[in-house]
């Protein structure tokens, strides 16, 4: 699931270059809903908790792209 989360996050950075971050996705219901929708569209059967927990873990391990990448 990690590669899918990274790709969806990369797409979110491109779609929202000025206001997207892991914290914003976790805190903003609209961004969170968009992120979860994109992940689930790719066929992820995990719960919302598992998806967001996976995203948080990727951030903690510095595995996510940065805005300028």
PDB file of N, CA and C in Angstrom:
ATOM      1  N   UNK A   1       0.817  -1.196   0.000  1.00  0.00           N
ATOM      2  CA  UNK A   1       0.000   0.000   0.000  1.00  0.00           C
ATOM      3  C   UNK A   1       0.859   1.259   0.000  1.00  0.00           C
ATOM      4  N   UNK A   2       2.075   1.175   0.506  1.00  0.00           N
ATOM      5  CA  UNK A   2       2.922   2.374   0.585  1.00  0.00           C
ATOM      6  C   UNK A   2       3.155   3.040  -0.765  1.00  0.00           C
ATOM      7  N   UNK A   3       3.488   2.282  -1.821  1.00  0.00           N
ATOM      8  CA  UNK A   3       3.688   2.954  -3.117  1.00  0.00           C
ATOM      9  C   UNK A   3       2.442   3.702  -3.591  1.00  0.00           C
ATOM     10  N   UNK A   4       1.265   3.134  -3.341  1.00  0.00           N
ATOM     11  CA  UNK A   4       0.027   3.793  -3.732  1.00  0.00           C
ATOM     12  C   UNK A   4      -0.163   5.088  -2.944  1.00  0.00           C
ATOM     13  N   UNK A   5       0.087   5.053  -1.645  1.00  0.00           N
ATOM     14  CA  UNK A   5      -0.059   6.259  -0.828  1.00  0.00           C
ATOM     15  C   UNK A   5       0.903   7.347  -1.288  1.00  0.00           C
ATOM     16  N   UNK A   6       2.113   6.958  -1.628  1.00  0.00           N
ATOM     17  CA  UNK A   6       3.111   7.934  -2.098  1.00  0.00           C
ATOM     18  C   UNK A   6       2.653   8.562  -3.406  1.00  0.00           C
ATOM     19  N   UNK A   7       2.145   7.761  -4.332  1.00  0.00           N
ATOM     20  CA  UNK A   7       1.691   8.298  -5.619  1.00  0.00           C
ATOM     21  C   UNK A   7       0.481   9.206  -5.465  1.00  0.00           C
ATOM     22  N   UNK A   8      -0.459   8.809  -4.634  1.00  0.00           N
ATOM     23  CA  UNK A   8      -1.639   9.651  -4.407  1.00  0.00           C
ATOM     24  C   UNK A   8      -1.218  10.958  -3.736  1.00  0.00           C
ATOM     25  N   UNK A   9      -0.312  10.881  -2.776  1.00  0.00           N
ATOM     26  CA  UNK A   9       0.169  12.098  -2.111  1.00  0.00           C
ATOM     27  C   UNK A   9       0.886  13.001  -3.113  1.00  0.00           C
ATOM     28  N   UNK A  10       1.692  12.422  -3.988  1.00  0.00           N
ATOM     29  CA  UNK A  10       2.379  13.208  -5.021  1.00  0.00           C
ATOM     30  C   UNK A  10       1.357  13.927  -5.902  1.00  0.00           C
ATOM     31  N   UNK A  11       0.300  13.236  -6.271  1.00  0.00           N
ATOM     32  CA  UNK A  11      -0.760  13.856  -7.061  1.00  0.00           C
ATOM     33  C   UNK A  11      -1.459  14.978  -6.319  1.00  0.00           C
ATOM     34  N   UNK A  12      -1.660  14.793  -5.028  1.00  0.00           N
ATOM     35  CA  UNK A  12      -2.283  15.841  -4.217  1.00  0.00           C
ATOM     36  C   UNK A  12      -1.390  17.085  -4.151  1.00  0.00           C
ATOM     37  N   UNK A  13      -0.088  16.878  -4.051  1.00  0.00           N
ATOM     38  CA  UNK A  13       0.833  18.019  -4.037  1.00  0.00           C
ATOM     39  C   UNK A  13       0.740  18.811  -5.332  1.00  0.00           C
ATOM     40  N   UNK A  14       0.608  18.103  -6.451  1.00  0.00           N
ATOM     41  CA  UNK A  14       0.492  18.784  -7.746  1.00  0.00           C
ATOM     42  C   UNK A  14      -0.854  19.484  -7.881  1.00  0.00           C
ATOM     43  N   UNK A  15      -1.908  18.859  -7.395  1.00  0.00           N
ATOM     44  CA  UNK A  15      -3.244  19.436  -7.521  1.00  0.00           C
ATOM     45  C   UNK A  15      -3.464  20.625  -6.583  1.00  0.00           C
ATOM     46  N   UNK A  16      -2.767  20.623  -5.451  1.00  0.00           N
ATOM     47  CA  UNK A  16      -2.922  21.678  -4.435  1.00  0.00           C
ATOM     48  C   UNK A  16      -1.531  22.173  -4.015  1.00  0.00           C
ATOM     49  N   UNK A  17      -0.815  22.833  -4.905  1.00  0.00           N
ATOM     50  CA  UNK A  17       0.584  23.185  -4.605  1.00  0.00           C
ATOM     51  C   UNK A  17       0.767  24.164  -3.445  1.00  0.00           C
ATOM     52  N   UNK A  18      -0.242  24.944  -3.144  1.00  0.00           N
ATOM     53  CA  UNK A  18      -0.073  25.962  -2.100  1.00  0.00           C
ATOM     54  C   UNK A  18      -0.564  25.546  -0.728  1.00  0.00           C
ATOM     55  N   UNK A  19      -1.370  24.490  -0.649  1.00  0.00           N
ATOM     56  CA  UNK A  19      -1.949  24.195   0.661  1.00  0.00           C
ATOM     57  C   UNK A  19      -2.085  22.702   0.941  1.00  0.00           C
ATOM     58  N   UNK A  20      -1.147  21.905   0.484  1.00  0.00           N
ATOM     59  CA  UNK A  20      -1.241  20.475   0.742  1.00  0.00           C
ATOM     60  C   UNK A  20      -0.035  20.001   1.550  1.00  0.00           C
ATOM     61  N   UNK A  21      -0.330  19.279   2.605  1.00  0.00           N
ATOM     62  CA  UNK A  21       0.689  18.640   3.429  1.00  0.00           C
ATOM     63  C   UNK A  21      -0.006  17.490   4.146  1.00  0.00           C
ATOM     64  N   UNK A  22       0.749  16.629   4.771  1.00  0.00           N
ATOM     65  CA  UNK A  22       0.140  15.535   5.520  1.00  0.00           C
ATOM     66  C   UNK A  22      -0.757  16.102   6.610  1.00  0.00           C
ATOM     67  N   UNK A  23      -0.276  17.109   7.320  1.00  0.00           N
ATOM     68  CA  UNK A  23      -1.094  17.709   8.382  1.00  0.00           C
ATOM     69  C   UNK A  23      -2.401  18.265   7.836  1.00  0.00           C
ATOM     70  N   UNK A  24      -2.339  18.944   6.700  1.00  0.00           N
ATOM     71  CA  UNK A  24      -3.551  19.511   6.106  1.00  0.00           C
ATOM     72  C   UNK A  24      -4.520  18.408   5.696  1.00  0.00           C
ATOM     73  N   UNK A  25      -3.989  17.310   5.142  1.00  0.00           N
ATOM     74  CA  UNK A  25      -4.848  16.190   4.762  1.00  0.00           C
ATOM     75  C   UNK A  25      -5.527  15.606   5.994  1.00  0.00           C
ATOM     76  N   UNK A  26      -4.797  15.484   7.077  1.00  0.00           N
ATOM     77  CA  UNK A  26      -5.365  14.926   8.302  1.00  0.00           C
ATOM     78  C   UNK A  26      -6.386  15.857   8.945  1.00  0.00           C
ATOM     79  N   UNK A  27      -6.185  17.169   8.820  1.00  0.00           N
ATOM     80  CA  UNK A  27      -7.009  18.145   9.526  1.00  0.00           C
ATOM     81  C   UNK A  27      -8.174  18.689   8.711  1.00  0.00           C
ATOM     82  N   UNK A  28      -8.019  18.798   7.401  1.00  0.00           N
ATOM     83  CA  UNK A  28      -9.029  19.424   6.548  1.00  0.00           C
ATOM     84  C   UNK A  28      -9.962  18.349   5.976  1.00  0.00           C
ATOM     85  N   UNK A  29     -11.240  18.390   6.322  1.00  0.00           N
ATOM     86  CA  UNK A  29     -12.156  17.352   5.848  1.00  0.00           C
ATOM     87  C   UNK A  29     -12.216  17.220   4.321  1.00  0.00           C
ATOM     88  N   UNK A  30     -12.115  18.337   3.606  1.00  0.00           N
ATOM     89  CA  UNK A  30     -12.163  18.284   2.142  1.00  0.00           C
ATOM     90  C   UNK A  30     -10.932  17.599   1.571  1.00  0.00           C
ATOM     91  N   UNK A  31      -9.745  17.990   2.038  1.00  0.00           N
ATOM     92  CA  UNK A  31      -8.520  17.347   1.546  1.00  0.00           C
ATOM     93  C   UNK A  31      -8.472  15.881   1.968  1.00  0.00           C
ATOM     94  N   UNK A  32      -8.893  15.600   3.185  1.00  0.00           N
ATOM     95  CA  UNK A  32      -8.902  14.216   3.667  1.00  0.00           C
ATOM     96  C   UNK A  32      -9.836  13.363   2.814  1.00  0.00           C
ATOM     97  N   UNK A  33     -11.029  13.883   2.536  1.00  0.00           N
ATOM     98  CA  UNK A  33     -11.982  13.151   1.703  1.00  0.00           C
ATOM     99  C   UNK A  33     -11.450  12.916   0.302  1.00  0.00           C
ATOM    100  N   UNK A  34     -10.796  13.924  -0.263  1.00  0.00           N
ATOM    101  CA  UNK A  34     -10.213  13.772  -1.596  1.00  0.00           C
ATOM    102  C   UNK A  34      -9.117  12.710  -1.579  1.00  0.00           C
ATOM    103  N   UNK A  35      -8.238  12.776  -0.590  1.00  0.00           N
ATOM    104  CA  UNK A  35      -7.144  11.804  -0.487  1.00  0.00           C
ATOM    105  C   UNK A  35      -7.692  10.390  -0.331  1.00  0.00           C
ATOM    106  N   UNK A  36      -8.632  10.209   0.583  1.00  0.00           N
ATOM    107  CA  UNK A  36      -9.209   8.881   0.802  1.00  0.00           C
ATOM    108  C   UNK A  36      -9.919   8.376  -0.451  1.00  0.00           C
ATOM    109  N   UNK A  37     -10.614   9.258  -1.132  1.00  0.00           N
ATOM    110  CA  UNK A  37     -11.299   8.872  -2.366  1.00  0.00           C
ATOM    111  C   UNK A  37     -10.333   8.397  -3.431  1.00  0.00           C
ATOM    112  N   UNK A  38      -9.213   9.100  -3.568  1.00  0.00           N
ATOM    113  CA  UNK A  38      -8.212   8.704  -4.559  1.00  0.00           C
ATOM    114  C   UNK A  38      -7.564   7.375  -4.198  1.00  0.00           C
ATOM    115  N   UNK A  39      -7.277   7.179  -2.933  1.00  0.00           N
ATOM    116  CA  UNK A  39      -6.679   5.917  -2.494  1.00  0.00           C
ATOM    117  C   UNK A  39      -7.659   4.776  -2.723  1.00  0.00           C
ATOM    118  N   UNK A  40      -8.891   4.980  -2.374  1.00  0.00           N
ATOM    119  CA  UNK A  40      -9.897   3.921  -2.535  1.00  0.00           C
ATOM    120  C   UNK A  40     -10.203   3.663  -4.003  1.00  0.00           C
ATOM    121  N   UNK A  41     -10.096   4.686  -4.847  1.00  0.00           N
ATOM    122  CA  UNK A  41     -10.299   4.494  -6.285  1.00  0.00           C
ATOM    123  C   UNK A  41      -9.236   3.569  -6.867  1.00  0.00           C
ATOM    124  N   UNK A  42      -8.070   3.543  -6.231  1.00  0.00           N
ATOM    125  CA  UNK A  42      -6.998   2.642  -6.659  1.00  0.00           C
ATOM    126  C   UNK A  42      -7.180   1.239  -6.091  1.00  0.00           C
ATOM    127  N   UNK A  43      -8.272   1.007  -5.383  1.00  0.00           N
ATOM    128  CA  UNK A  43      -8.591  -0.333  -4.918  1.00  0.00           C
ATOM    129  C   UNK A  43      -8.132  -0.693  -3.523  1.00  0.00           C
ATOM    130  N   UNK A  44      -7.776   0.288  -2.715  1.00  0.00           N
ATOM    131  CA  UNK A  44      -7.316  -0.009  -1.353  1.00  0.00           C
ATOM    132  C   UNK A  44      -8.505  -0.419  -0.481  1.00  0.00           C
ATOM    133  N   UNK A  45      -8.472  -1.625   0.099  1.00  0.00           N
ATOM    134  CA  UNK A  45      -9.571  -2.067   0.943  1.00  0.00           C
ATOM    135  C   UNK A  45      -9.434  -1.648   2.409  1.00  0.00           C
ATOM    136  N   UNK A  46      -8.361  -0.964   2.749  1.00  0.00           N
ATOM    137  CA  UNK A  46      -8.101  -0.600   4.136  1.00  0.00           C
ATOM    138  C   UNK A  46      -9.107   0.440   4.635  1.00  0.00           C
ATOM    139  N   UNK A  47      -9.216   0.496   5.950  1.00  0.00           N
ATOM    140  CA  UNK A  47     -10.099   1.478   6.587  1.00  0.00           C
ATOM    141  C   UNK A  47      -9.465   2.867   6.523  1.00  0.00           C
ATOM    142  N   UNK A  48     -10.276   3.866   6.822  1.00  0.00           N
ATOM    143  CA  UNK A  48      -9.769   5.238   6.865  1.00  0.00           C
ATOM    144  C   UNK A  48      -8.603   5.335   7.851  1.00  0.00           C
ATOM    145  N   UNK A  49      -8.756   4.713   9.012  1.00  0.00           N
ATOM    146  CA  UNK A  49      -7.685   4.737  10.011  1.00  0.00           C
ATOM    147  C   UNK A  49      -6.397   4.154   9.442  1.00  0.00           C
ATOM    148  N   UNK A  50      -6.481   3.006   8.793  1.00  0.00           N
ATOM    149  CA  UNK A  50      -5.278   2.356   8.262  1.00  0.00           C
ATOM    150  C   UNK A  50      -4.604   3.191   7.181  1.00  0.00           C
ATOM    151  N   UNK A  51      -5.409   3.815   6.329  1.00  0.00           N
ATOM    152  CA  UNK A  51      -4.848   4.653   5.260  1.00  0.00           C
ATOM    153  C   UNK A  51      -4.147   5.866   5.850  1.00  0.00           C
ATOM    154  N   UNK A  52      -4.824   6.566   6.756  1.00  0.00           N
ATOM    155  CA  UNK A  52      -4.229   7.774   7.335  1.00  0.00           C
ATOM    156  C   UNK A  52      -3.047   7.438   8.243  1.00  0.00           C
ATOM    157  N   UNK A  53      -3.114   6.313   8.925  1.00  0.00           N
ATOM    158  CA  UNK A  53      -1.988   5.867   9.747  1.00  0.00           C
ATOM    159  C   UNK A  53      -0.780   5.556   8.852  1.00  0.00           C
ATOM    160  N   UNK A  54      -1.041   4.926   7.720  1.00  0.00           N
ATOM    161  CA  UNK A  54       0.034   4.652   6.765  1.00  0.00           C
ATOM    162  C   UNK A  54       0.665   5.931   6.239  1.00  0.00           C
ATOM    163  N   UNK A  55      -0.155   6.928   5.954  1.00  0.00           N
ATOM    164  CA  UNK A  55       0.347   8.221   5.485  1.00  0.00           C
ATOM    165  C   UNK A  55       1.219   8.877   6.550  1.00  0.00           C
ATOM    166  N   UNK A  56       0.761   8.842   7.789  1.00  0.00           N
ATOM    167  CA  UNK A  56       1.528   9.423   8.891  1.00  0.00           C
ATOM    168  C   UNK A  56       2.870   8.703   9.064  1.00  0.00           C
ATOM    169  N   UNK A  57       2.852   7.384   8.969  1.00  0.00           N
ATOM    170  CA  UNK A  57       4.101   6.622   9.101  1.00  0.00           C
ATOM    171  C   UNK A  57       5.078   6.949   7.983  1.00  0.00           C
ATOM    172  N   UNK A  58       4.573   7.129   6.767  1.00  0.00           N
ATOM    173  CA  UNK A  58       5.453   7.506   5.656  1.00  0.00           C
ATOM    174  C   UNK A  58       6.096   8.866   5.922  1.00  0.00           C
ATOM    175  N   UNK A  59       5.321   9.796   6.457  1.00  0.00           N
ATOM    176  CA  UNK A  59       5.872  11.115   6.776  1.00  0.00           C
ATOM    177  C   UNK A  59       6.960  10.996   7.840  1.00  0.00           C
ATOM    178  N   UNK A  60       6.692  10.216   8.876  1.00  0.00           N
ATOM    179  CA  UNK A  60       7.662  10.066   9.964  1.00  0.00           C
ATOM    180  C   UNK A  60       8.970   9.446   9.478  1.00  0.00           C
ATOM    181  N   UNK A  61       8.873   8.586   8.469  1.00  0.00           N
ATOM    182  CA  UNK A  61      10.066   7.919   7.935  1.00  0.00           C
ATOM    183  C   UNK A  61      10.674   8.682   6.759  1.00  0.00           C
ATOM    184  N   UNK A  62      10.197   9.895   6.498  1.00  0.00           N
ATOM    185  CA  UNK A  62      10.690  10.749   5.408  1.00  0.00           C
ATOM    186  C   UNK A  62      10.637  10.063   4.059  1.00  0.00           C
ATOM    187  N   UNK A  63       9.563   9.344   3.792  1.00  0.00           N
ATOM    188  CA  UNK A  63       9.398   8.619   2.517  1.00  0.00           C
ATOM    189  C   UNK A  63       8.512   9.365   1.530  1.00  0.00           C
ATOM    190  N   UNK A  64       7.926  10.485   1.941  1.00  0.00           N
ATOM    191  CA  UNK A  64       7.017  11.225   1.051  1.00  0.00           C
ATOM    192  C   UNK A  64       7.777  12.315   0.293  1.00  0.00           C
ATOM    193  N   UNK A  65       7.329  12.570  -0.942  1.00  0.00           N
ATOM    194  CA  UNK A  65       7.964  13.657  -1.711  1.00  0.00           C
ATOM    195  C   UNK A  65       7.657  15.006  -1.069  1.00  0.00           C
ATOM    196  N   UNK A  66       8.545  15.927  -1.306  1.00  0.00           N
ATOM    197  CA  UNK A  66       8.334  17.302  -0.833  1.00  0.00           C
ATOM    198  C   UNK A  66       7.703  18.111  -1.949  1.00  0.00           C
ATOM    199  N   UNK A  67       7.152  19.234  -1.590  1.00  0.00           N
ATOM    200  CA  UNK A  67       6.480  20.099  -2.549  1.00  0.00           C
ATOM    201  C   UNK A  67       7.390  20.455  -3.726  1.00  0.00           C
ATOM    202  N   UNK A  68       8.675  20.641  -3.496  1.00  0.00           N
ATOM    203  CA  UNK A  68       9.576  21.077  -4.577  1.00  0.00           C
ATOM    204  C   UNK A  68      10.173  19.905  -5.364  1.00  0.00           C
ATOM    205  N   UNK A  69       9.842  18.668  -5.013  1.00  0.00           N
ATOM    206  CA  UNK A  69      10.403  17.514  -5.752  1.00  0.00           C
ATOM    207  C   UNK A  69       9.755  17.366  -7.110  1.00  0.00           C
TER     208      UNK A  69
END
